[in-house]
Amino acid sequence: KRSCQVELYTDSVYVKDGITKWLKNWQQNNWKTSNKKEVKNKDLWMKLIESSSPHEINWRWVKGHAGIAGNEVADQLANKGIDSL
């Protein structure tokens, strides 16, 4: 796998802020929040770190359900995935 530049769009403020603002503190605080509670979804955050670490990612937030084509397709695919479980 080689490093690349990525523009990543998400409609989740939680994901964007988690990866861009809170992650370093969580790691430094043994995966505890500023309220001393366990970070939720730690396993998923760790997978996200692993898969994104070789890349330079510019995280961008977009409003969900606002008619943005790529976001609407992503939402449809996510719902399809959930329905198949």
PDB file of N, CA and C in Angstrom:
ATOM      1  N   LYS A   1       0.845  -1.175   0.000  1.00  0.00           N
ATOM      2  CA  LYS A   1       0.000   0.000   0.000  1.00  0.00           C
ATOM      3  C   LYS A   1       0.890   1.237   0.000  1.00  0.00           C
ATOM      4  N   ARG A   2       0.556   2.158  -0.864  1.00  0.00           N
ATOM      5  CA  ARG A   2       1.352   3.376  -0.885  1.00  0.00           C
ATOM      6  C   ARG A   2       0.522   4.546  -0.367  1.00  0.00           C
ATOM      7  N   SER A   3       1.217   5.536   0.095  1.00  0.00           N
ATOM      8  CA  SER A   3       0.572   6.713   0.643  1.00  0.00           C
ATOM      9  C   SER A   3      -0.054   7.554  -0.465  1.00  0.00           C
ATOM     10  N   CYS A   4      -1.177   8.172  -0.154  1.00  0.00           N
ATOM     11  CA  CYS A   4      -1.806   9.061  -1.129  1.00  0.00           C
ATOM     12  C   CYS A   4      -2.563  10.164  -0.396  1.00  0.00           C
ATOM     13  N   GLN A   5      -2.901  11.197  -1.140  1.00  0.00           N
ATOM     14  CA  GLN A   5      -3.702  12.291  -0.596  1.00  0.00           C
ATOM     15  C   GLN A   5      -5.171  11.979  -0.835  1.00  0.00           C
ATOM     16  N   VAL A   6      -5.977  12.181   0.195  1.00  0.00           N
ATOM     17  CA  VAL A   6      -7.388  11.813   0.131  1.00  0.00           C
ATOM     18  C   VAL A   6      -8.242  12.981   0.621  1.00  0.00           C
ATOM     19  N   GLU A   7      -9.303  13.264  -0.104  1.00  0.00           N
ATOM     20  CA  GLU A   7     -10.352  14.170   0.366  1.00  0.00           C
ATOM     21  C   GLU A   7     -11.476  13.255   0.828  1.00  0.00           C
ATOM     22  N   LEU A   8     -11.758  13.237   2.122  1.00  0.00           N
ATOM     23  CA  LEU A   8     -12.757  12.330   2.658  1.00  0.00           C
ATOM     24  C   LEU A   8     -13.923  13.141   3.214  1.00  0.00           C
ATOM     25  N   TYR A   9     -15.101  12.869   2.698  1.00  0.00           N
ATOM     26  CA  TYR A   9     -16.306  13.591   3.096  1.00  0.00           C
ATOM     27  C   TYR A   9     -17.153  12.710   4.001  1.00  0.00           C
ATOM     28  N   THR A  10     -17.636  13.290   5.092  1.00  0.00           N
ATOM     29  CA  THR A  10     -18.501  12.580   6.020  1.00  0.00           C
ATOM     30  C   THR A  10     -19.613  13.511   6.483  1.00  0.00           C
ATOM     31  N   ASP A  11     -20.777  12.939   6.745  1.00  0.00           N
ATOM     32  CA  ASP A  11     -21.848  13.755   7.317  1.00  0.00           C
ATOM     33  C   ASP A  11     -21.914  13.564   8.832  1.00  0.00           C
ATOM     34  N   SER A  12     -20.894  12.932   9.380  1.00  0.00           N
ATOM     35  CA  SER A  12     -20.836  12.688  10.816  1.00  0.00           C
ATOM     36  C   SER A  12     -19.846  13.649  11.481  1.00  0.00           C
ATOM     37  N   VAL A  13     -20.380  14.588  12.251  1.00  0.00           N
ATOM     38  CA  VAL A  13     -19.520  15.493  13.016  1.00  0.00           C
ATOM     39  C   VAL A  13     -18.714  14.679  14.027  1.00  0.00           C
ATOM     40  N   TYR A  14     -19.325  13.650  14.590  1.00  0.00           N
ATOM     41  CA  TYR A  14     -18.650  12.771  15.551  1.00  0.00           C
ATOM     42  C   TYR A  14     -17.391  12.159  14.942  1.00  0.00           C
ATOM     43  N   VAL A  15     -17.496  11.639  13.736  1.00  0.00           N
ATOM     44  CA  VAL A  15     -16.332  11.031  13.081  1.00  0.00           C
ATOM     45  C   VAL A  15     -15.285  12.093  12.761  1.00  0.00           C
ATOM     46  N   LYS A  16     -15.711  13.187  12.168  1.00  0.00           N
ATOM     47  CA  LYS A  16     -14.754  14.236  11.785  1.00  0.00           C
ATOM     48  C   LYS A  16     -14.041  14.802  13.008  1.00  0.00           C
ATOM     49  N   ASP A  17     -14.791  15.179  14.032  1.00  0.00           N
ATOM     50  CA  ASP A  17     -14.162  15.730  15.230  1.00  0.00           C
ATOM     51  C   ASP A  17     -13.347  14.676  15.969  1.00  0.00           C
ATOM     52  N   GLY A  18     -13.838  13.453  15.984  1.00  0.00           N
ATOM     53  CA  GLY A  18     -13.092  12.387  16.643  1.00  0.00           C
ATOM     54  C   GLY A  18     -11.709  12.217  16.049  1.00  0.00           C
ATOM     55  N   ILE A  19     -11.630  12.154  14.746  1.00  0.00           N
ATOM     56  CA  ILE A  19     -10.347  11.895  14.086  1.00  0.00           C
ATOM     57  C   ILE A  19      -9.462  13.138  14.035  1.00  0.00           C
ATOM     58  N   THR A  20     -10.070  14.326  13.944  1.00  0.00           N
ATOM     59  CA  THR A  20      -9.265  15.545  13.779  1.00  0.00           C
ATOM     60  C   THR A  20      -9.012  16.304  15.077  1.00  0.00           C
ATOM     61  N   LYS A  21      -9.856  16.127  16.084  1.00  0.00           N
ATOM     62  CA  LYS A  21      -9.720  16.923  17.310  1.00  0.00           C
ATOM     63  C   LYS A  21      -9.455  16.093  18.564  1.00  0.00           C
ATOM     64  N   TRP A  22     -10.136  14.970  18.711  1.00  0.00           N
ATOM     65  CA  TRP A  22     -10.135  14.266  19.990  1.00  0.00           C
ATOM     66  C   TRP A  22      -9.182  13.078  20.060  1.00  0.00           C
ATOM     67  N   LEU A  23      -8.843  12.499  18.932  1.00  0.00           N
ATOM     68  CA  LEU A  23      -8.118  11.229  18.903  1.00  0.00           C
ATOM     69  C   LEU A  23      -6.800  11.256  19.677  1.00  0.00           C
ATOM     70  N   LYS A  24      -5.986  12.271  19.469  1.00  0.00           N
ATOM     71  CA  LYS A  24      -4.686  12.318  20.159  1.00  0.00           C
ATOM     72  C   LYS A  24      -4.864  12.337  21.673  1.00  0.00           C
ATOM     73  N   ASN A  25      -5.826  13.116  22.147  1.00  0.00           N
ATOM     74  CA  ASN A  25      -6.078  13.153  23.593  1.00  0.00           C
ATOM     75  C   ASN A  25      -6.588  11.815  24.103  1.00  0.00           C
ATOM     76  N   TRP A  26      -7.466  11.187  23.347  1.00  0.00           N
ATOM     77  CA  TRP A  26      -7.955   9.868  23.757  1.00  0.00           C
ATOM     78  C   TRP A  26      -6.795   8.898  23.929  1.00  0.00           C
ATOM     79  N   GLN A  27      -5.895   8.891  22.949  1.00  0.00           N
ATOM     80  CA  GLN A  27      -4.763   7.970  23.015  1.00  0.00           C
ATOM     81  C   GLN A  27      -3.860   8.303  24.202  1.00  0.00           C
ATOM     82  N   GLN A  28      -3.603   9.588  24.420  1.00  0.00           N
ATOM     83  CA  GLN A  28      -2.745  10.008  25.532  1.00  0.00           C
ATOM     84  C   GLN A  28      -3.386   9.709  26.885  1.00  0.00           C
ATOM     85  N   ASN A  29      -4.712   9.693  26.923  1.00  0.00           N
ATOM     86  CA  ASN A  29      -5.441   9.453  28.171  1.00  0.00           C
ATOM     87  C   ASN A  29      -5.943   8.020  28.297  1.00  0.00           C
ATOM     88  N   ASN A  30      -5.235   7.103  27.633  1.00  0.00           N
ATOM     89  CA  ASN A  30      -5.576   5.680  27.715  1.00  0.00           C
ATOM     90  C   ASN A  30      -7.026   5.416  27.301  1.00  0.00           C
ATOM     91  N   TRP A  31      -7.420   6.041  26.203  1.00  0.00           N
ATOM     92  CA  TRP A  31      -8.741   5.870  25.602  1.00  0.00           C
ATOM     93  C   TRP A  31      -9.868   6.271  26.553  1.00  0.00           C
ATOM     94  N   LYS A  32      -9.640   7.384  27.240  1.00  0.00           N
ATOM     95  CA  LYS A  32     -10.674   7.982  28.083  1.00  0.00           C
ATOM     96  C   LYS A  32     -11.017   9.356  27.517  1.00  0.00           C
ATOM     97  N   THR A  33     -12.280   9.746  27.664  1.00  0.00           N
ATOM     98  CA  THR A  33     -12.719  11.068  27.221  1.00  0.00           C
ATOM     99  C   THR A  33     -12.296  12.116  28.251  1.00  0.00           C
ATOM    100  N   SER A  34     -12.555  13.371  27.944  1.00  0.00           N
ATOM    101  CA  SER A  34     -12.242  14.441  28.898  1.00  0.00           C
ATOM    102  C   SER A  34     -13.070  14.305  30.176  1.00  0.00           C
ATOM    103  N   ASN A  35     -14.170  13.561  30.110  1.00  0.00           N
ATOM    104  CA  ASN A  35     -15.002  13.282  31.293  1.00  0.00           C
ATOM    105  C   ASN A  35     -14.587  12.002  32.006  1.00  0.00           C
ATOM    106  N   LYS A  36     -13.434  11.454  31.606  1.00  0.00           N
ATOM    107  CA  LYS A  36     -12.876  10.230  32.218  1.00  0.00           C
ATOM    108  C   LYS A  36     -13.696   8.981  31.931  1.00  0.00           C
ATOM    109  N   LYS A  37     -14.515   9.023  30.894  1.00  0.00           N
ATOM    110  CA  LYS A  37     -15.294   7.848  30.498  1.00  0.00           C
ATOM    111  C   LYS A  37     -14.578   7.138  29.358  1.00  0.00           C
ATOM    112  N   GLU A  38     -14.870   5.849  29.210  1.00  0.00           N
ATOM    113  CA  GLU A  38     -14.300   5.079  28.112  1.00  0.00           C
ATOM    114  C   GLU A  38     -14.770   5.651  26.775  1.00  0.00           C
ATOM    115  N   VAL A  39     -13.849   5.724  25.816  1.00  0.00           N
ATOM    116  CA  VAL A  39     -14.215   6.171  24.471  1.00  0.00           C
ATOM    117  C   VAL A  39     -15.092   5.103  23.838  1.00  0.00           C
ATOM    118  N   LYS A  40     -16.218   5.516  23.313  1.00  0.00           N
ATOM    119  CA  LYS A  40     -17.108   4.575  22.637  1.00  0.00           C
ATOM    120  C   LYS A  40     -16.525   4.211  21.281  1.00  0.00           C
ATOM    121  N   ASN A  41     -16.768   2.984  20.861  1.00  0.00           N
ATOM    122  CA  ASN A  41     -16.335   2.478  19.551  1.00  0.00           C
ATOM    123  C   ASN A  41     -14.813   2.446  19.396  1.00  0.00           C
ATOM    124  N   LYS A  42     -14.098   2.200  20.476  1.00  0.00           N
ATOM    125  CA  LYS A  42     -12.633   2.179  20.427  1.00  0.00           C
ATOM    126  C   LYS A  42     -12.128   1.247  19.333  1.00  0.00           C
ATOM    127  N   ASP A  43     -12.736   0.087  19.199  1.00  0.00           N
ATOM    128  CA  ASP A  43     -12.293  -0.872  18.184  1.00  0.00           C
ATOM    129  C   ASP A  43     -12.406  -0.284  16.776  1.00  0.00           C
ATOM    130  N   LEU A  44     -13.477   0.467  16.534  1.00  0.00           N
ATOM    131  CA  LEU A  44     -13.656   1.077  15.214  1.00  0.00           C
ATOM    132  C   LEU A  44     -12.685   2.231  15.000  1.00  0.00           C
ATOM    133  N   TRP A  45     -12.424   3.021  16.049  1.00  0.00           N
ATOM    134  CA  TRP A  45     -11.440   4.096  15.940  1.00  0.00           C
ATOM    135  C   TRP A  45     -10.062   3.521  15.619  1.00  0.00           C
ATOM    136  N   MET A  46      -9.722   2.404  16.247  1.00  0.00           N
ATOM    137  CA  MET A  46      -8.417   1.796  15.995  1.00  0.00           C
ATOM    138  C   MET A  46      -8.313   1.296  14.555  1.00  0.00           C
ATOM    139  N   LYS A  47      -9.388   0.734  14.024  1.00  0.00           N
ATOM    140  CA  LYS A  47      -9.389   0.309  12.623  1.00  0.00           C
ATOM    141  C   LYS A  47      -9.261   1.509  11.694  1.00  0.00           C
ATOM    142  N   LEU A  48      -9.920   2.597  12.046  1.00  0.00           N
ATOM    143  CA  LEU A  48      -9.834   3.809  11.235  1.00  0.00           C
ATOM    144  C   LEU A  48      -8.416   4.369  11.252  1.00  0.00           C
ATOM    145  N   ILE A  49      -7.781   4.360  12.409  1.00  0.00           N
ATOM    146  CA  ILE A  49      -6.390   4.816  12.513  1.00  0.00           C
ATOM    147  C   ILE A  49      -5.497   3.968  11.626  1.00  0.00           C
ATOM    148  N   GLU A  50      -5.649   2.662  11.732  1.00  0.00           N
ATOM    149  CA  GLU A  50      -4.812   1.740  10.962  1.00  0.00           C
ATOM    150  C   GLU A  50      -4.985   1.939   9.460  1.00  0.00           C
ATOM    151  N   SER A  51      -6.210   2.067   9.021  1.00  0.00           N
ATOM    152  CA  SER A  51      -6.445   2.171   7.578  1.00  0.00           C
ATOM    153  C   SER A  51      -6.113   3.552   7.028  1.00  0.00           C
ATOM    154  N   SER A  52      -6.156   4.571   7.863  1.00  0.00           N
ATOM    155  CA  SER A  52      -5.902   5.917   7.360  1.00  0.00           C
ATOM    156  C   SER A  52      -4.471   6.391   7.585  1.00  0.00           C
ATOM    157  N   SER A  53      -3.733   5.742   8.457  1.00  0.00           N
ATOM    158  CA  SER A  53      -2.415   6.245   8.854  1.00  0.00           C
ATOM    159  C   SER A  53      -1.407   6.432   7.719  1.00  0.00           C
ATOM    160  N   PRO A  54      -1.379   5.594   6.698  1.00  0.00           N
ATOM    161  CA  PRO A  54      -0.366   5.843   5.666  1.00  0.00           C
ATOM    162  C   PRO A  54      -0.708   7.015   4.746  1.00  0.00           C
ATOM    163  N   HIS A  55      -1.883   7.574   4.895  1.00  0.00           N
ATOM    164  CA  HIS A  55      -2.362   8.569   3.938  1.00  0.00           C
ATOM    165  C   HIS A  55      -2.459   9.969   4.547  1.00  0.00           C
ATOM    166  N   GLU A  56      -2.446  10.946   3.674  1.00  0.00           N
ATOM    167  CA  GLU A  56      -2.688  12.328   4.076  1.00  0.00           C
ATOM    168  C   GLU A  56      -4.160  12.601   3.776  1.00  0.00           C
ATOM    169  N   ILE A  57      -4.957  12.695   4.828  1.00  0.00           N
ATOM    170  CA  ILE A  57      -6.403  12.807   4.643  1.00  0.00           C
ATOM    171  C   ILE A  57      -6.887  14.188   5.065  1.00  0.00           C
ATOM    172  N   ASN A  58      -7.643  14.803   4.186  1.00  0.00           N
ATOM    173  CA  ASN A  58      -8.315  16.061   4.492  1.00  0.00           C
ATOM    174  C   ASN A  58      -9.777  15.714   4.779  1.00  0.00           C
ATOM    175  N   TRP A  59     -10.145  15.745   6.046  1.00  0.00           N
ATOM    176  CA  TRP A  59     -11.492  15.368   6.481  1.00  0.00           C
ATOM    177  C   TRP A  59     -12.428  16.547   6.299  1.00  0.00           C
ATOM    178  N   ARG A  60     -13.519  16.328   5.596  1.00  0.00           N
ATOM    179  CA  ARG A  60     -14.490  17.395   5.331  1.00  0.00           C
ATOM    180  C   ARG A  60     -15.885  16.939   5.748  1.00  0.00           C
ATOM    181  N   TRP A  61     -16.589  17.844   6.409  1.00  0.00           N
ATOM    182  CA  TRP A  61     -17.961  17.558   6.816  1.00  0.00           C
ATOM    183  C   TRP A  61     -18.926  18.102   5.775  1.00  0.00           C
ATOM    184  N   VAL A  62     -19.957  17.313   5.464  1.00  0.00           N
ATOM    185  CA  VAL A  62     -21.050  17.758   4.596  1.00  0.00           C
ATOM    186  C   VAL A  62     -22.364  17.483   5.323  1.00  0.00           C
ATOM    187  N   LYS A  63     -23.336  18.294   5.048  1.00  0.00           N
ATOM    188  CA  LYS A  63     -24.652  18.105   5.663  1.00  0.00           C
ATOM    189  C   LYS A  63     -25.304  16.862   5.068  1.00  0.00           C
ATOM    190  N   GLY A  64     -25.783  15.981   5.925  1.00  0.00           N
ATOM    191  CA  GLY A  64     -26.465  14.777   5.468  1.00  0.00           C
ATOM    192  C   GLY A  64     -27.861  15.078   4.964  1.00  0.00           C
ATOM    193  N   HIS A  65     -28.328  14.256   4.047  1.00  0.00           N
ATOM    194  CA  HIS A  65     -29.691  14.360   3.496  1.00  0.00           C
ATOM    195  C   HIS A  65     -29.971  15.747   2.918  1.00  0.00           C
ATOM    196  N   ALA A  66     -28.940  16.293   2.263  1.00  0.00           N
ATOM    197  CA  ALA A  66     -29.064  17.640   1.696  1.00  0.00           C
ATOM    198  C   ALA A  66     -28.969  17.617   0.176  1.00  0.00           C
ATOM    199  N   GLY A  67     -29.096  16.426  -0.409  1.00  0.00           N
ATOM    200  CA  GLY A  67     -29.067  16.325  -1.860  1.00  0.00           C
ATOM    201  C   GLY A  67     -27.676  16.298  -2.468  1.00  0.00           C
ATOM    202  N   ILE A  68     -26.642  16.098  -1.652  1.00  0.00           N
ATOM    203  CA  ILE A  68     -25.275  15.991  -2.167  1.00  0.00           C
ATOM    204  C   ILE A  68     -25.117  14.578  -2.717  1.00  0.00           C
ATOM    205  N   ALA A  69     -24.892  14.484  -4.024  1.00  0.00           N
ATOM    206  CA  ALA A  69     -24.962  13.196  -4.731  1.00  0.00           C
ATOM    207  C   ALA A  69     -24.122  12.103  -4.073  1.00  0.00           C
ATOM    208  N   GLY A  70     -22.856  12.354  -3.849  1.00  0.00           N
ATOM    209  CA  GLY A  70     -21.986  11.332  -3.271  1.00  0.00           C
ATOM    210  C   GLY A  70     -22.432  10.904  -1.890  1.00  0.00           C
ATOM    211  N   ASN A  71     -22.904  11.850  -1.099  1.00  0.00           N
ATOM    212  CA  ASN A  71     -23.378  11.534   0.240  1.00  0.00           C
ATOM    213  C   ASN A  71     -24.660  10.724   0.200  1.00  0.00           C
ATOM    214  N   GLU A  72     -25.537  11.037  -0.736  1.00  0.00           N
ATOM    215  CA  GLU A  72     -26.791  10.283  -0.871  1.00  0.00           C
ATOM    216  C   GLU A  72     -26.509   8.832  -1.266  1.00  0.00           C
ATOM    217  N   VAL A  73     -25.555   8.634  -2.183  1.00  0.00           N
ATOM    218  CA  VAL A  73     -25.184   7.272  -2.596  1.00  0.00           C
ATOM    219  C   VAL A  73     -24.573   6.523  -1.416  1.00  0.00           C
ATOM    220  N   ALA A  74     -23.688   7.186  -0.671  1.00  0.00           N
ATOM    221  CA  ALA A  74     -23.072   6.548   0.493  1.00  0.00           C
ATOM    222  C   ALA A  74     -24.133   6.137   1.508  1.00  0.00           C
ATOM    223  N   ASP A  75     -25.125   6.987   1.710  1.00  0.00           N
ATOM    224  CA  ASP A  75     -26.215   6.685   2.634  1.00  0.00           C
ATOM    225  C   ASP A  75     -27.014   5.472   2.167  1.00  0.00           C
ATOM    226  N   GLN A  76     -27.299   5.412   0.873  1.00  0.00           N
ATOM    227  CA  GLN A  76     -28.033   4.266   0.318  1.00  0.00           C
ATOM    228  C   GLN A  76     -27.246   2.974   0.501  1.00  0.00           C
ATOM    229  N   LEU A  77     -25.943   3.027   0.233  1.00  0.00           N
ATOM    230  CA  LEU A  77     -25.107   1.835   0.378  1.00  0.00           C
ATOM    231  C   LEU A  77     -25.020   1.399   1.841  1.00  0.00           C
ATOM    232  N   ALA A  78     -24.919   2.362   2.746  1.00  0.00           N
ATOM    233  CA  ALA A  78     -24.870   2.026   4.173  1.00  0.00           C
ATOM    234  C   ALA A  78     -26.168   1.355   4.609  1.00  0.00           C
ATOM    235  N   ASN A  79     -27.292   1.890   4.168  1.00  0.00           N
ATOM    236  CA  ASN A  79     -28.580   1.286   4.519  1.00  0.00           C
ATOM    237  C   ASN A  79     -28.742  -0.100   3.915  1.00  0.00           C
ATOM    238  N   LYS A  80     -28.251  -0.271   2.705  1.00  0.00           N
ATOM    239  CA  LYS A  80     -28.296  -1.590   2.063  1.00  0.00           C
ATOM    240  C   LYS A  80     -27.472  -2.594   2.870  1.00  0.00           C
ATOM    241  N   GLY A  81     -26.307  -2.147   3.328  1.00  0.00           N
ATOM    242  CA  GLY A  81     -25.456  -3.006   4.140  1.00  0.00           C
ATOM    243  C   GLY A  81     -26.118  -3.400   5.443  1.00  0.00           C
ATOM    244  N   ILE A  82     -26.755  -2.446   6.087  1.00  0.00           N
ATOM    245  CA  ILE A  82     -27.456  -2.724   7.344  1.00  0.00           C
ATOM    246  C   ILE A  82     -28.597  -3.706   7.106  1.00  0.00           C
ATOM    247  N   ASP A  83     -29.337  -3.499   6.024  1.00  0.00           N
ATOM    248  CA  ASP A  83     -30.467  -4.384   5.716  1.00  0.00           C
ATOM    249  C   ASP A  83     -30.030  -5.816   5.444  1.00  0.00           C
ATOM    250  N   SER A  84     -28.791  -5.986   4.980  1.00  0.00           N
ATOM    251  CA  SER A  84     -28.326  -7.334   4.646  1.00  0.00           C
ATOM    252  C   SER A  84     -27.830  -8.102   5.872  1.00  0.00           C
ATOM    253  N   LEU A  85     -27.745  -7.451   7.008  1.00  0.00           N
ATOM    254  CA  LEU A  85     -27.262  -8.132   8.229  1.00  0.00           C
ATOM    255  C   LEU A  85     -28.317  -9.014   8.842  1.00  0.00           C
TER     256      LEU A  85
END
